mmCIF file of all heavy atoms, coordinates in Angstrom:
data_MODEL
# 
_entry.id   MODEL 
# 
loop_
_atom_site.group_PDB 
_atom_site.id 
_atom_site.type_symbol 
_atom_site.label_atom_id 
_atom_site.label_alt_id 
_atom_site.label_comp_id 
_atom_site.label_asym_id 
_atom_site.label_entity_id 
_atom_site.label_seq_id 
_atom_site.pdbx_PDB_ins_code 
_atom_site.Cartn_x 
_atom_site.Cartn_y 
_atom_site.Cartn_z 
_atom_site.occupancy 
_atom_site.B_iso_or_equiv 
_atom_site.pdbx_formal_charge 
_atom_site.auth_seq_id 
_atom_site.auth_comp_id 
_atom_site.auth_asym_id 
_atom_site.auth_atom_id 
_atom_site.pdbx_PDB_model_num 
ATOM 1   N N   . ALA A 1 1  ? -26.454 -10.185 24.450 1.00 0.00 ? 1  ALA A N   1 
ATOM 2   C CA  . ALA A 1 1  ? -26.361 -9.895  23.016 1.00 0.00 ? 1  ALA A CA  1 
ATOM 3   C C   . ALA A 1 1  ? -25.965 -11.197 22.339 1.00 0.00 ? 1  ALA A C   1 
ATOM 4   O O   . ALA A 1 1  ? -24.887 -11.730 22.620 1.00 0.00 ? 1  ALA A O   1 
ATOM 5   C CB  . ALA A 1 1  ? -25.326 -8.808  22.740 1.00 0.00 ? 1  ALA A CB  1 
ATOM 6   N N   . CYS A 1 2  ? -26.819 -11.708 21.454 1.00 0.00 ? 2  CYS A N   1 
ATOM 7   C CA  . CYS A 1 2  ? -26.554 -13.067 20.971 1.00 0.00 ? 2  CYS A CA  1 
ATOM 8   C C   . CYS A 1 2  ? -26.937 -13.298 19.518 1.00 0.00 ? 2  CYS A C   1 
ATOM 9   O O   . CYS A 1 2  ? -27.136 -14.447 19.114 1.00 0.00 ? 2  CYS A O   1 
ATOM 10  C CB  . CYS A 1 2  ? -27.265 -14.081 21.865 1.00 0.00 ? 2  CYS A CB  1 
ATOM 11  S SG  . CYS A 1 2  ? -29.063 -13.846 21.932 1.00 0.00 ? 2  CYS A SG  1 
ATOM 12  N N   . GLN A 1 3  ? -27.059 -12.236 18.702 1.00 0.00 ? 3  GLN A N   1 
ATOM 13  C CA  . GLN A 1 3  ? -27.348 -12.480 17.291 1.00 0.00 ? 3  GLN A CA  1 
ATOM 14  C C   . GLN A 1 3  ? -26.217 -13.289 16.672 1.00 0.00 ? 3  GLN A C   1 
ATOM 15  O O   . GLN A 1 3  ? -25.046 -13.029 16.906 1.00 0.00 ? 3  GLN A O   1 
ATOM 16  C CB  . GLN A 1 3  ? -27.527 -11.176 16.517 1.00 0.00 ? 3  GLN A CB  1 
ATOM 17  C CG  . GLN A 1 3  ? -27.953 -11.410 15.071 1.00 0.00 ? 3  GLN A CG  1 
ATOM 18  C CD  . GLN A 1 3  ? -28.042 -10.132 14.267 1.00 0.00 ? 3  GLN A CD  1 
ATOM 19  O OE1 . GLN A 1 3  ? -27.424 -9.130  14.608 1.00 0.00 ? 3  GLN A OE1 1 
ATOM 20  N NE2 . GLN A 1 3  ? -28.808 -10.158 13.190 1.00 0.00 ? 3  GLN A NE2 1 
ATOM 21  N N   . GLY A 1 4  ? -26.555 -14.251 15.844 1.00 0.00 ? 4  GLY A N   1 
ATOM 22  C CA  . GLY A 1 4  ? -25.546 -15.113 15.241 1.00 0.00 ? 4  GLY A CA  1 
ATOM 23  C C   . GLY A 1 4  ? -25.146 -16.224 16.168 1.00 0.00 ? 4  GLY A C   1 
ATOM 24  O O   . GLY A 1 4  ? -25.272 -17.407 15.839 1.00 0.00 ? 4  GLY A O   1 
ATOM 25  N N   . LEU A 1 5  ? -24.661 -15.875 17.348 1.00 0.00 ? 5  LEU A N   1 
ATOM 26  C CA  . LEU A 1 5  ? -24.306 -16.863 18.364 1.00 0.00 ? 5  LEU A CA  1 
ATOM 27  C C   . LEU A 1 5  ? -25.516 -17.697 18.723 1.00 0.00 ? 5  LEU A C   1 
ATOM 28  O O   . LEU A 1 5  ? -25.437 -18.928 18.837 1.00 0.00 ? 5  LEU A O   1 
ATOM 29  C CB  . LEU A 1 5  ? -23.754 -16.152 19.599 1.00 0.00 ? 5  LEU A CB  1 
ATOM 30  C CG  . LEU A 1 5  ? -23.487 -17.024 20.832 1.00 0.00 ? 5  LEU A CG  1 
ATOM 31  C CD1 . LEU A 1 5  ? -22.382 -18.033 20.544 1.00 0.00 ? 5  LEU A CD1 1 
ATOM 32  C CD2 . LEU A 1 5  ? -23.123 -16.150 22.021 1.00 0.00 ? 5  LEU A CD2 1 
ATOM 33  N N   . GLY A 1 6  ? -26.655 -17.054 18.938 1.00 0.00 ? 6  GLY A N   1 
ATOM 34  C CA  . GLY A 1 6  ? -27.888 -17.759 19.251 1.00 0.00 ? 6  GLY A CA  1 
ATOM 35  C C   . GLY A 1 6  ? -28.358 -17.542 20.665 1.00 0.00 ? 6  GLY A C   1 
ATOM 36  O O   . GLY A 1 6  ? -27.562 -17.463 21.608 1.00 0.00 ? 6  GLY A O   1 
ATOM 37  N N   . ALA A 1 7  ? -29.673 -17.474 20.822 1.00 0.00 ? 7  ALA A N   1 
ATOM 38  C CA  . ALA A 1 7  ? -30.267 -17.281 22.141 1.00 0.00 ? 7  ALA A CA  1 
ATOM 39  C C   . ALA A 1 7  ? -29.975 -18.425 23.078 1.00 0.00 ? 7  ALA A C   1 
ATOM 40  O O   . ALA A 1 7  ? -29.970 -18.252 24.307 1.00 0.00 ? 7  ALA A O   1 
ATOM 41  C CB  . ALA A 1 7  ? -31.784 -17.100 22.000 1.00 0.00 ? 7  ALA A CB  1 
ATOM 42  N N   . SER A 1 8  ? -29.704 -19.608 22.535 1.00 0.00 ? 8  SER A N   1 
ATOM 43  C CA  . SER A 1 8  ? -29.395 -20.765 23.384 1.00 0.00 ? 8  SER A CA  1 
ATOM 44  C C   . SER A 1 8  ? -28.073 -20.592 24.118 1.00 0.00 ? 8  SER A C   1 
ATOM 45  O O   . SER A 1 8  ? -27.703 -21.433 24.931 1.00 0.00 ? 8  SER A O   1 
ATOM 46  C CB  . SER A 1 8  ? -29.369 -22.048 22.560 1.00 0.00 ? 8  SER A CB  1 
ATOM 47  O OG  . SER A 1 8  ? -28.443 -21.956 21.480 1.00 0.00 ? 8  SER A OG  1 
ATOM 48  N N   . ALA A 1 9  ? -27.375 -19.494 23.875 1.00 0.00 ? 9  ALA A N   1 
ATOM 49  C CA  . ALA A 1 9  ? -26.188 -19.176 24.667 1.00 0.00 ? 9  ALA A CA  1 
ATOM 50  C C   . ALA A 1 9  ? -26.551 -18.821 26.095 1.00 0.00 ? 9  ALA A C   1 
ATOM 51  O O   . ALA A 1 9  ? -25.690 -18.867 26.985 1.00 0.00 ? 9  ALA A O   1 
ATOM 52  C CB  . ALA A 1 9  ? -25.419 -18.005 24.043 1.00 0.00 ? 9  ALA A CB  1 
ATOM 53  N N   . TRP A 1 10 ? -27.862 -18.478 26.321 1.00 0.00 ? 10 TRP A N   1 
ATOM 54  C CA  . TRP A 1 10 ? -28.220 -18.107 27.701 1.00 0.00 ? 10 TRP A CA  1 
ATOM 55  C C   . TRP A 1 10 ? -29.585 -18.623 28.155 1.00 0.00 ? 10 TRP A C   1 
ATOM 56  O O   . TRP A 1 10 ? -29.917 -18.507 29.327 1.00 0.00 ? 10 TRP A O   1 
ATOM 57  C CB  . TRP A 1 10 ? -28.099 -16.605 27.921 1.00 0.00 ? 10 TRP A CB  1 
ATOM 58  C CG  . TRP A 1 10 ? -29.047 -15.720 27.158 1.00 0.00 ? 10 TRP A CG  1 
ATOM 59  C CD1 . TRP A 1 10 ? -28.907 -15.263 25.884 1.00 0.00 ? 10 TRP A CD1 1 
ATOM 60  C CD2 . TRP A 1 10 ? -30.277 -15.150 27.635 1.00 0.00 ? 10 TRP A CD2 1 
ATOM 61  N NE1 . TRP A 1 10 ? -29.969 -14.457 25.524 1.00 0.00 ? 10 TRP A NE1 1 
ATOM 62  C CE2 . TRP A 1 10 ? -30.814 -14.367 26.596 1.00 0.00 ? 10 TRP A CE2 1 
ATOM 63  C CE3 . TRP A 1 10 ? -30.965 -15.215 28.850 1.00 0.00 ? 10 TRP A CE3 1 
ATOM 64  C CZ2 . TRP A 1 10 ? -32.009 -13.661 26.722 1.00 0.00 ? 10 TRP A CZ2 1 
ATOM 65  C CZ3 . TRP A 1 10 ? -32.158 -14.509 28.977 1.00 0.00 ? 10 TRP A CZ3 1 
ATOM 66  C CH2 . TRP A 1 10 ? -32.656 -13.749 27.927 1.00 0.00 ? 10 TRP A CH2 1 
ATOM 67  N N   . TRP A 1 11 ? -30.370 -19.236 27.249 1.00 0.00 ? 11 TRP A N   1 
ATOM 68  C CA  . TRP A 1 11 ? -31.630 -19.844 27.700 1.00 0.00 ? 11 TRP A CA  1 
ATOM 69  C C   . TRP A 1 11 ? -32.037 -20.968 26.751 1.00 0.00 ? 11 TRP A C   1 
ATOM 70  O O   . TRP A 1 11 ? -31.749 -20.916 25.563 1.00 0.00 ? 11 TRP A O   1 
ATOM 71  C CB  . TRP A 1 11 ? -32.734 -18.806 27.868 1.00 0.00 ? 11 TRP A CB  1 
ATOM 72  C CG  . TRP A 1 11 ? -33.139 -18.029 26.641 1.00 0.00 ? 11 TRP A CG  1 
ATOM 73  C CD1 . TRP A 1 11 ? -32.469 -17.004 26.056 1.00 0.00 ? 11 TRP A CD1 1 
ATOM 74  C CD2 . TRP A 1 11 ? -34.354 -18.199 25.880 1.00 0.00 ? 11 TRP A CD2 1 
ATOM 75  N NE1 . TRP A 1 11 ? -33.163 -16.512 24.980 1.00 0.00 ? 11 TRP A NE1 1 
ATOM 76  C CE2 . TRP A 1 11 ? -34.326 -17.231 24.847 1.00 0.00 ? 11 TRP A CE2 1 
ATOM 77  C CE3 . TRP A 1 11 ? -35.450 -19.048 25.967 1.00 0.00 ? 11 TRP A CE3 1 
ATOM 78  C CZ2 . TRP A 1 11 ? -35.348 -17.095 23.906 1.00 0.00 ? 11 TRP A CZ2 1 
ATOM 79  C CZ3 . TRP A 1 11 ? -36.474 -18.925 25.033 1.00 0.00 ? 11 TRP A CZ3 1 
ATOM 80  C CH2 . TRP A 1 11 ? -36.415 -17.957 24.022 1.00 0.00 ? 11 TRP A CH2 1 
ATOM 81  N N   . PRO A 1 12 ? -32.712 -21.999 27.266 1.00 0.00 ? 12 PRO A N   1 
ATOM 82  C CA  . PRO A 1 12 ? -33.103 -23.137 26.435 1.00 0.00 ? 12 PRO A CA  1 
ATOM 83  C C   . PRO A 1 12 ? -34.249 -22.753 25.502 1.00 0.00 ? 12 PRO A C   1 
ATOM 84  O O   . PRO A 1 12 ? -35.243 -22.160 25.936 1.00 0.00 ? 12 PRO A O   1 
ATOM 85  C CB  . PRO A 1 12 ? -33.576 -24.194 27.449 1.00 0.00 ? 12 PRO A CB  1 
ATOM 86  C CG  . PRO A 1 12 ? -33.172 -23.686 28.794 1.00 0.00 ? 12 PRO A CG  1 
ATOM 87  C CD  . PRO A 1 12 ? -33.078 -22.204 28.684 1.00 0.00 ? 12 PRO A CD  1 
ATOM 88  N N   . CYS A 1 13 ? -34.118 -23.109 24.227 1.00 0.00 ? 13 CYS A N   1 
ATOM 89  C CA  . CYS A 1 13 ? -35.125 -22.718 23.249 1.00 0.00 ? 13 CYS A CA  1 
ATOM 90  C C   . CYS A 1 13 ? -34.995 -23.572 21.993 1.00 0.00 ? 13 CYS A C   1 
ATOM 91  O O   . CYS A 1 13 ? -34.068 -24.371 21.861 1.00 0.00 ? 13 CYS A O   1 
ATOM 92  C CB  . CYS A 1 13 ? -34.990 -21.236 22.888 1.00 0.00 ? 13 CYS A CB  1 
ATOM 93  S SG  . CYS A 1 13 ? -33.372 -20.783 22.212 1.00 0.00 ? 13 CYS A SG  1 
ATOM 94  N N   . LYS A 1 14 ? -35.917 -23.399 21.107 1.00 0.00 ? 14 LYS A N   1 
ATOM 95  C CA  . LYS A 1 14 ? -35.824 -23.960 19.755 1.00 0.00 ? 14 LYS A CA  1 
ATOM 96  C C   . LYS A 1 14 ? -35.039 -22.945 18.942 1.00 0.00 ? 14 LYS A C   1 
ATOM 97  O O   . LYS A 1 14 ? -35.600 -22.010 18.376 1.00 0.00 ? 14 LYS A O   1 
ATOM 98  C CB  . LYS A 1 14 ? -37.231 -24.170 19.184 1.00 0.00 ? 14 LYS A CB  1 
ATOM 99  C CG  . LYS A 1 14 ? -37.279 -24.915 17.859 1.00 0.00 ? 14 LYS A CG  1 
ATOM 100 C CD  . LYS A 1 14 ? -38.726 -25.079 17.390 1.00 0.00 ? 14 LYS A CD  1 
ATOM 101 C CE  . LYS A 1 14 ? -38.842 -26.011 16.206 1.00 0.00 ? 14 LYS A CE  1 
ATOM 102 N NZ  . LYS A 1 14 ? -40.266 -26.183 15.773 1.00 0.00 ? 14 LYS A NZ  1 
ATOM 103 N N   . ASP A 1 15 ? -33.732 -23.131 18.885 1.00 0.00 ? 15 ASP A N   1 
ATOM 104 C CA  . ASP A 1 15 ? -32.851 -22.065 18.410 1.00 0.00 ? 15 ASP A CA  1 
ATOM 105 C C   . ASP A 1 15 ? -32.631 -22.136 16.903 1.00 0.00 ? 15 ASP A C   1 
ATOM 106 O O   . ASP A 1 15 ? -31.523 -22.361 16.411 1.00 0.00 ? 15 ASP A O   1 
ATOM 107 C CB  . ASP A 1 15 ? -31.514 -22.098 19.158 1.00 0.00 ? 15 ASP A CB  1 
ATOM 108 C CG  . ASP A 1 15 ? -30.850 -20.724 19.172 1.00 0.00 ? 15 ASP A CG  1 
ATOM 109 O OD1 . ASP A 1 15 ? -31.424 -19.781 18.609 1.00 0.00 ? 15 ASP A OD1 1 
ATOM 110 O OD2 . ASP A 1 15 ? -29.765 -20.602 19.768 1.00 0.00 ? 15 ASP A OD2 1 
ATOM 111 N N   . HIS A 1 16 ? -33.709 -21.943 16.186 1.00 0.00 ? 16 HIS A N   1 
ATOM 112 C CA  . HIS A 1 16 ? -33.660 -21.792 14.728 1.00 0.00 ? 16 HIS A CA  1 
ATOM 113 C C   . HIS A 1 16 ? -34.680 -20.739 14.358 1.00 0.00 ? 16 HIS A C   1 
ATOM 114 O O   . HIS A 1 16 ? -35.793 -20.723 14.882 1.00 0.00 ? 16 HIS A O   1 
ATOM 115 C CB  . HIS A 1 16 ? -33.964 -23.118 14.029 1.00 0.00 ? 16 HIS A CB  1 
ATOM 116 C CG  . HIS A 1 16 ? -33.627 -23.100 12.563 1.00 0.00 ? 16 HIS A CG  1 
ATOM 117 N ND1 . HIS A 1 16 ? -34.344 -22.370 11.641 1.00 0.00 ? 16 HIS A ND1 1 
ATOM 118 C CD2 . HIS A 1 16 ? -32.637 -23.724 11.871 1.00 0.00 ? 16 HIS A CD2 1 
ATOM 119 C CE1 . HIS A 1 16 ? -33.819 -22.541 10.436 1.00 0.00 ? 16 HIS A CE1 1 
ATOM 120 N NE2 . HIS A 1 16 ? -32.783 -23.359 10.554 1.00 0.00 ? 16 HIS A NE2 1 
ATOM 121 N N   . MET A 1 17 ? -34.318 -19.880 13.406 1.00 0.00 ? 17 MET A N   1 
ATOM 122 C CA  . MET A 1 17 ? -35.123 -18.696 13.146 1.00 0.00 ? 17 MET A CA  1 
ATOM 123 C C   . MET A 1 17 ? -36.436 -18.983 12.419 1.00 0.00 ? 17 MET A C   1 
ATOM 124 O O   . MET A 1 17 ? -37.312 -18.117 12.360 1.00 0.00 ? 17 MET A O   1 
ATOM 125 C CB  . MET A 1 17 ? -34.296 -17.690 12.344 1.00 0.00 ? 17 MET A CB  1 
ATOM 126 C CG  . MET A 1 17 ? -33.066 -17.185 13.079 1.00 0.00 ? 17 MET A CG  1 
ATOM 127 S SD  . MET A 1 17 ? -33.469 -16.063 14.425 1.00 0.00 ? 17 MET A SD  1 
ATOM 128 C CE  . MET A 1 17 ? -33.885 -14.581 13.502 1.00 0.00 ? 17 MET A CE  1 
ATOM 129 N N   . TYR A 1 18 ? -36.591 -20.171 11.876 1.00 0.00 ? 18 TYR A N   1 
ATOM 130 C CA  . TYR A 1 18 ? -37.781 -20.414 11.062 1.00 0.00 ? 18 TYR A CA  1 
ATOM 131 C C   . TYR A 1 18 ? -39.067 -20.448 11.882 1.00 0.00 ? 18 TYR A C   1 
ATOM 132 O O   . TYR A 1 18 ? -40.159 -20.232 11.341 1.00 0.00 ? 18 TYR A O   1 
ATOM 133 C CB  . TYR A 1 18 ? -37.631 -21.724 10.280 1.00 0.00 ? 18 TYR A CB  1 
ATOM 134 C CG  . TYR A 1 18 ? -38.100 -22.975 11.005 1.00 0.00 ? 18 TYR A CG  1 
ATOM 135 C CD1 . TYR A 1 18 ? -39.352 -23.528 10.740 1.00 0.00 ? 18 TYR A CD1 1 
ATOM 136 C CD2 . TYR A 1 18 ? -37.294 -23.596 11.965 1.00 0.00 ? 18 TYR A CD2 1 
ATOM 137 C CE1 . TYR A 1 18 ? -39.782 -24.674 11.399 1.00 0.00 ? 18 TYR A CE1 1 
ATOM 138 C CE2 . TYR A 1 18 ? -37.721 -24.736 12.624 1.00 0.00 ? 18 TYR A CE2 1 
ATOM 139 C CZ  . TYR A 1 18 ? -38.971 -25.273 12.335 1.00 0.00 ? 18 TYR A CZ  1 
ATOM 140 O OH  . TYR A 1 18 ? -39.399 -26.399 12.989 1.00 0.00 ? 18 TYR A OH  1 
ATOM 141 N N   . ASP A 1 19 ? -38.956 -20.725 13.184 1.00 0.00 ? 19 ASP A N   1 
ATOM 142 C CA  . ASP A 1 19 ? -40.140 -20.911 14.018 1.00 0.00 ? 19 ASP A CA  1 
ATOM 143 C C   . ASP A 1 19 ? -40.097 -19.938 15.191 1.00 0.00 ? 19 ASP A C   1 
ATOM 144 O O   . ASP A 1 19 ? -39.128 -19.914 15.949 1.00 0.00 ? 19 ASP A O   1 
ATOM 145 C CB  . ASP A 1 19 ? -40.192 -22.355 14.532 1.00 0.00 ? 19 ASP A CB  1 
ATOM 146 C CG  . ASP A 1 19 ? -41.561 -22.754 15.057 1.00 0.00 ? 19 ASP A CG  1 
ATOM 147 O OD1 . ASP A 1 19 ? -42.505 -21.963 14.911 1.00 0.00 ? 19 ASP A OD1 1 
ATOM 148 O OD2 . ASP A 1 19 ? -41.675 -23.866 15.599 1.00 0.00 ? 19 ASP A OD2 1 
ATOM 149 N N   . GLU A 1 20 ? -41.146 -19.124 15.324 1.00 0.00 ? 20 GLU A N   1 
ATOM 150 C CA  . GLU A 1 20 ? -41.242 -18.152 16.407 1.00 0.00 ? 20 GLU A CA  1 
ATOM 151 C C   . GLU A 1 20 ? -42.467 -18.448 17.268 1.00 0.00 ? 20 GLU A C   1 
ATOM 152 O O   . GLU A 1 20 ? -43.485 -18.917 16.751 1.00 0.00 ? 20 GLU A O   1 
ATOM 153 C CB  . GLU A 1 20 ? -41.365 -16.728 15.853 1.00 0.00 ? 20 GLU A CB  1 
ATOM 154 C CG  . GLU A 1 20 ? -40.173 -16.248 15.060 1.00 0.00 ? 20 GLU A CG  1 
ATOM 155 C CD  . GLU A 1 20 ? -40.339 -14.829 14.540 1.00 0.00 ? 20 GLU A CD  1 
ATOM 156 O OE1 . GLU A 1 20 ? -41.468 -14.281 14.648 1.00 0.00 ? 20 GLU A OE1 1 
ATOM 157 O OE2 . GLU A 1 20 ? -39.369 -14.267 14.019 1.00 0.00 ? 20 GLU A OE2 1 
ATOM 158 N N   . PRO A 1 21 ? -42.403 -18.135 18.555 1.00 0.00 ? 21 PRO A N   1 
ATOM 159 C CA  . PRO A 1 21 ? -43.615 -18.245 19.378 1.00 0.00 ? 21 PRO A CA  1 
ATOM 160 C C   . PRO A 1 21 ? -44.597 -17.144 19.002 1.00 0.00 ? 21 PRO A C   1 
ATOM 161 O O   . PRO A 1 21 ? -44.198 -16.063 18.558 1.00 0.00 ? 21 PRO A O   1 
ATOM 162 C CB  . PRO A 1 21 ? -43.086 -18.050 20.800 1.00 0.00 ? 21 PRO A CB  1 
ATOM 163 C CG  . PRO A 1 21 ? -41.892 -17.157 20.623 1.00 0.00 ? 21 PRO A CG  1 
ATOM 164 C CD  . PRO A 1 21 ? -41.262 -17.586 19.323 1.00 0.00 ? 21 PRO A CD  1 
ATOM 165 N N   . ASP A 1 22 ? -45.860 -17.410 19.188 1.00 0.00 ? 22 ASP A N   1 
ATOM 166 C CA  . ASP A 1 22 ? -46.874 -16.387 18.923 1.00 0.00 ? 22 ASP A CA  1 
ATOM 167 C C   . ASP A 1 22 ? -46.839 -15.281 19.970 1.00 0.00 ? 22 ASP A C   1 
ATOM 168 O O   . ASP A 1 22 ? -47.245 -14.145 19.706 1.00 0.00 ? 22 ASP A O   1 
ATOM 169 C CB  . ASP A 1 22 ? -48.267 -17.023 18.912 1.00 0.00 ? 22 ASP A CB  1 
ATOM 170 C CG  . ASP A 1 22 ? -48.388 -18.123 17.863 1.00 0.00 ? 22 ASP A CG  1 
ATOM 171 O OD1 . ASP A 1 22 ? -47.784 -17.965 16.780 1.00 0.00 ? 22 ASP A OD1 1 
ATOM 172 O OD2 . ASP A 1 22 ? -49.058 -19.132 18.132 1.00 0.00 ? 22 ASP A OD2 1 
ATOM 173 N N   . SER A 1 23 ? -46.388 -15.612 21.165 1.00 0.00 ? 23 SER A N   1 
ATOM 174 C CA  . SER A 1 23 ? -46.253 -14.652 22.259 1.00 0.00 ? 23 SER A CA  1 
ATOM 175 C C   . SER A 1 23 ? -45.267 -15.237 23.264 1.00 0.00 ? 23 SER A C   1 
ATOM 176 O O   . SER A 1 23 ? -44.849 -16.391 23.141 1.00 0.00 ? 23 SER A O   1 
ATOM 177 C CB  . SER A 1 23 ? -47.612 -14.369 22.922 1.00 0.00 ? 23 SER A CB  1 
ATOM 178 O OG  . SER A 1 23 ? -48.204 -15.572 23.385 1.00 0.00 ? 23 SER A OG  1 
ATOM 179 N N   . MET A 1 24 ? -44.913 -14.439 24.278 1.00 0.00 ? 24 MET A N   1 
ATOM 180 C CA  . MET A 1 24 ? -43.886 -14.894 25.212 1.00 0.00 ? 24 MET A CA  1 
ATOM 181 C C   . MET A 1 24 ? -44.000 -14.148 26.536 1.00 0.00 ? 24 MET A C   1 
ATOM 182 O O   . MET A 1 24 ? -44.282 -12.944 26.569 1.00 0.00 ? 24 MET A O   1 
ATOM 183 C CB  . MET A 1 24 ? -42.499 -14.665 24.612 1.00 0.00 ? 24 MET A CB  1 
ATOM 184 C CG  . MET A 1 24 ? -41.347 -15.136 25.486 1.00 0.00 ? 24 MET A CG  1 
ATOM 185 S SD  . MET A 1 24 ? -39.755 -15.066 24.625 1.00 0.00 ? 24 MET A SD  1 
ATOM 186 C CE  . MET A 1 24 ? -38.687 -15.789 25.883 1.00 0.00 ? 24 MET A CE  1 
ATOM 187 N N   . ALA A 1 25 ? -43.754 -14.874 27.621 1.00 0.00 ? 25 ALA A N   1 
ATOM 188 C CA  . ALA A 1 25 ? -43.623 -14.268 28.950 1.00 0.00 ? 25 ALA A CA  1 
ATOM 189 C C   . ALA A 1 25 ? -42.164 -14.393 29.389 1.00 0.00 ? 25 ALA A C   1 
ATOM 190 O O   . ALA A 1 25 ? -41.514 -15.405 29.127 1.00 0.00 ? 25 ALA A O   1 
ATOM 191 C CB  . ALA A 1 25 ? -44.530 -14.969 29.947 1.00 0.00 ? 25 ALA A CB  1 
ATOM 192 N N   . ILE A 1 26 ? -41.666 -13.358 30.047 1.00 0.00 ? 26 ILE A N   1 
ATOM 193 C CA  . ILE A 1 26 ? -40.280 -13.321 30.505 1.00 0.00 ? 26 ILE A CA  1 
ATOM 194 C C   . ILE A 1 26 ? -40.284 -12.867 31.958 1.00 0.00 ? 26 ILE A C   1 
ATOM 195 O O   . ILE A 1 26 ? -40.753 -11.754 32.263 1.00 0.00 ? 26 ILE A O   1 
ATOM 196 C CB  . ILE A 1 26 ? -39.427 -12.351 29.658 1.00 0.00 ? 26 ILE A CB  1 
ATOM 197 C CG1 . ILE A 1 26 ? -39.540 -12.690 28.168 1.00 0.00 ? 26 ILE A CG1 1 
ATOM 198 C CG2 . ILE A 1 26 ? -37.963 -12.381 30.104 1.00 0.00 ? 26 ILE A CG2 1 
ATOM 199 C CD1 . ILE A 1 26 ? -38.995 -11.603 27.261 1.00 0.00 ? 26 ILE A CD1 1 
ATOM 200 N N   . SER A 1 27 ? -39.798 -13.706 32.856 1.00 0.00 ? 27 SER A N   1 
ATOM 201 C CA  . SER A 1 27 ? -39.739 -13.380 34.289 1.00 0.00 ? 27 SER A CA  1 
ATOM 202 C C   . SER A 1 27 ? -38.281 -13.408 34.718 1.00 0.00 ? 27 SER A C   1 
ATOM 203 O O   . SER A 1 27 ? -37.629 -14.454 34.648 1.00 0.00 ? 27 SER A O   1 
ATOM 204 C CB  . SER A 1 27 ? -40.554 -14.388 35.104 1.00 0.00 ? 27 SER A CB  1 
ATOM 205 O OG  . SER A 1 27 ? -41.912 -14.364 34.712 1.00 0.00 ? 27 SER A OG  1 
ATOM 206 N N   . VAL A 1 28 ? -37.777 -12.272 35.157 1.00 0.00 ? 28 VAL A N   1 
ATOM 207 C CA  . VAL A 1 28 ? -36.361 -12.135 35.469 1.00 0.00 ? 28 VAL A CA  1 
ATOM 208 C C   . VAL A 1 28 ? -36.204 -11.711 36.923 1.00 0.00 ? 28 VAL A C   1 
ATOM 209 O O   . VAL A 1 28 ? -36.754 -10.679 37.338 1.00 0.00 ? 28 VAL A O   1 
ATOM 210 C CB  . VAL A 1 28 ? -35.679 -11.109 34.535 1.00 0.00 ? 28 VAL A CB  1 
ATOM 211 C CG1 . VAL A 1 28 ? -34.184 -11.048 34.814 1.00 0.00 ? 28 VAL A CG1 1 
ATOM 212 C CG2 . VAL A 1 28 ? -35.954 -11.467 33.066 1.00 0.00 ? 28 VAL A CG2 1 
# 
């Protein structure tokens, strides 16, 4: 759960809301 804190609390990303990927794969 990372709203506000940011997704970069647990994975590397471009952690600003202005830019989103068009799609995404997630392997856990």
